[in-house]
Amino acid sequence: MEDKENNLESGFKIHNILLLESNFKRIENVVFGEPEIKHDIQINGEVTINPEKNIIAVIQTLRYSQIYNEIEQVSSTIKMVGTFEKVGESIINLEQFGHVNGAAIIYPFIREHLSNLSAKAGVGIILLPPVNFTKTNNSN
């Protein structure tokens, strides 16, 4: 079988994705299923680049709260870091990779962690919506 170039490679390699911070709080009597329940979701990203080693560190922080009648019923802060290495050539610059691709790689881990925490807390499974990191990067 002849060697073929792998067209699926992005030019970046994942070193690891680690949980840095995890905080979850709930009140005793959480209200479910009311249309007045509000969800506040804030996602912040920070990109650090080591150009000599072609290493990108992406820290992504989620702040989530569920509010009913102006009372914060559920809140969570989750912070994760992903480290990536540029290997070979890539058409995307390191900063853009961190804010778009790196963030998109880390976010499902944050979603999964919050879903597990909420299930264990007995408040139902919190499923965060998908995020278009290309769009959020362009608006910054």
Protein backbone atom coordinates (compact mmCIF):
# COMPACT_ATOMS: atom_id res chain seq x y z
CA MET A 1 0.00 0.00 0.00
CA GLU A 2 1.50 3.35 -0.94
CA ASP A 3 2.04 6.11 1.61
CA LYS A 4 -0.43 8.92 1.19
CA GLU A 5 -0.24 12.30 2.84
CA ASN A 6 -2.80 12.58 5.63
CA ASN A 7 -5.09 15.42 4.54
CA LEU A 8 -6.84 15.37 7.91
CA GLU A 9 -3.83 16.70 9.81
CA SER A 10 -4.23 20.29 10.93
CA GLY A 11 -0.58 21.14 11.52
CA PHE A 12 -1.21 21.17 15.29
CA LYS A 13 -0.81 18.47 17.91
CA ILE A 14 -2.68 18.29 21.23
CA HIS A 15 -0.29 17.87 24.16
CA ASN A 16 -2.93 17.77 26.90
CA ILE A 17 -6.15 19.23 28.23
CA LEU A 18 -6.27 19.75 31.99
CA LEU A 19 -8.83 20.90 34.52
CA LEU A 20 -7.49 23.93 36.43
CA GLU A 21 -10.54 24.92 38.45
CA SER A 22 -13.95 23.46 39.17
CA ASN A 23 -16.54 25.09 41.40
CA PHE A 24 -20.23 24.20 41.63
CA LYS A 25 -22.90 25.54 43.98
CA ARG A 26 -26.65 25.06 44.27
CA ILE A 27 -29.32 26.16 46.68
CA GLU A 28 -31.35 23.58 48.59
CA ASN A 29 -34.61 23.98 46.63
CA VAL A 30 -33.85 24.46 42.94
CA VAL A 31 -36.86 25.27 40.74
CA PHE A 32 -37.17 23.29 37.49
CA GLY A 33 -39.14 23.75 34.29
CA GLU A 34 -40.31 27.33 34.76
CA PRO A 35 -40.14 29.55 31.67
CA GLU A 36 -38.90 32.44 33.85
CA ILE A 37 -35.64 30.62 34.63
CA LYS A 38 -32.69 32.50 33.16
CA HIS A 39 -29.32 31.04 32.26
CA ASP A 40 -26.23 33.26 32.21
CA ILE A 41 -23.28 31.79 30.31
CA GLN A 42 -19.95 33.59 30.02
CA ILE A 43 -16.96 32.09 28.23
CA ASN A 44 -13.57 33.75 28.31
CA GLY A 45 -10.39 32.64 26.60
CA GLU A 46 -6.75 33.50 27.03
CA VAL A 47 -4.00 32.47 24.63
CA THR A 48 -0.29 32.33 25.47
CA ILE A 49 2.27 31.55 22.79
CA ASN A 50 5.86 30.33 23.05
CA PRO A 51 7.07 31.05 19.50
CA GLU A 52 10.50 29.41 19.99
CA LYS A 53 8.89 26.05 20.76
CA ASN A 54 5.70 26.59 18.67
CA ILE A 55 3.62 25.89 21.79
CA ILE A 56 0.19 27.43 22.33
CA ALA A 57 -1.53 27.37 25.74
CA VAL A 58 -5.25 28.12 25.72
CA ILE A 59 -7.04 28.77 29.01
CA GLN A 60 -10.81 28.74 28.77
CA THR A 61 -13.06 29.78 31.64
CA LEU A 62 -16.80 29.15 31.85
CA ARG A 63 -19.04 30.99 34.30
CA TYR A 64 -22.55 29.60 34.43
CA SER A 65 -25.53 30.57 36.57
CA GLN A 66 -29.21 29.67 36.66
CA ILE A 67 -31.41 32.43 38.07
CA TYR A 68 -35.05 32.27 39.11
CA ASN A 69 -36.92 35.22 40.68
CA GLU A 70 -33.60 37.06 40.96
CA ILE A 71 -32.13 34.24 43.07
CA GLU A 72 -29.04 32.46 41.81
CA GLN A 73 -30.02 28.81 42.17
CA VAL A 74 -27.09 27.13 40.48
CA SER A 75 -23.64 28.50 39.69
CA SER A 76 -20.45 27.03 38.36
CA THR A 77 -16.99 28.13 37.31
CA ILE A 78 -14.88 25.75 35.26
CA LYS A 79 -11.41 26.56 33.97
CA MET A 80 -9.42 24.29 31.67
CA VAL A 81 -6.14 24.63 29.82
CA GLY A 82 -5.12 22.99 26.59
CA THR A 83 -1.58 22.95 25.28
CA PHE A 84 -0.94 22.51 21.60
CA GLU A 85 2.14 22.34 19.40
CA LYS A 86 2.46 23.56 15.85
CA VAL A 87 4.03 20.80 13.77
CA GLY A 88 4.97 21.40 10.17
CA GLU A 89 3.23 24.10 8.20
CA SER A 90 -0.16 25.63 8.85
CA ILE A 91 -2.07 28.38 7.10
CA ILE A 92 -3.49 29.61 10.42
CA ASN A 93 -1.41 31.75 12.79
CA LEU A 94 -0.81 30.64 16.37
CA GLU A 95 -2.97 33.33 18.01
CA GLN A 96 -5.94 32.59 15.73
CA PHE A 97 -5.52 28.84 16.28
CA GLY A 98 -5.68 29.37 20.04
CA HIS A 99 -8.78 31.56 20.01
CA VAL A 100 -10.72 29.51 17.45
CA ASN A 101 -9.49 25.92 17.11
CA GLY A 102 -7.98 25.53 20.58
CA ALA A 103 -11.10 26.95 22.22
CA ALA A 104 -13.33 24.67 20.11
CA ILE A 105 -11.27 21.64 21.17
CA ILE A 106 -11.43 22.49 24.91
CA TYR A 107 -15.11 23.53 25.07
CA PRO A 108 -16.62 20.00 24.79
CA PHE A 109 -14.57 18.96 27.84
CA ILE A 110 -16.03 21.91 29.78
CA ARG A 111 -19.56 21.04 28.60
CA GLU A 112 -19.10 17.43 29.67
CA HIS A 113 -17.71 18.43 33.08
CA LEU A 114 -20.65 20.77 33.81
CA SER A 115 -23.13 18.09 32.69
CA ASN A 116 -21.58 15.59 35.10
CA LEU A 117 -21.49 18.07 38.00
CA SER A 118 -25.12 19.07 37.50
CA ALA A 119 -26.25 15.43 37.29
CA LYS A 120 -24.42 14.60 40.53
CA ALA A 121 -25.93 17.68 42.19
CA GLY A 122 -29.45 16.49 41.33
CA VAL A 123 -30.37 19.55 39.31
CA GLY A 124 -30.80 17.74 36.03
CA ILE A 125 -28.27 17.64 33.25
CA ILE A 126 -27.14 21.09 32.18
CA LEU A 127 -26.36 21.01 28.47
CA LEU A 128 -24.51 24.08 27.28
CA PRO A 129 -25.28 25.23 23.74
CA PRO A 130 -22.68 24.90 20.99
CA VAL A 131 -20.48 27.96 20.47
CA ASN A 132 -19.18 29.32 17.16
CA PHE A 133 -15.65 30.34 18.19
CA THR A 134 -14.92 31.68 14.71
CA LYS A 135 -17.76 34.16 15.11
CA THR A 136 -16.85 35.10 18.70
CA ASN A 137 -13.21 35.60 17.66
CA ASN A 138 -14.23 37.88 14.78
CA SER A 139 -16.40 40.02 17.06
CA ASN A 140 -13.47 40.72 19.44
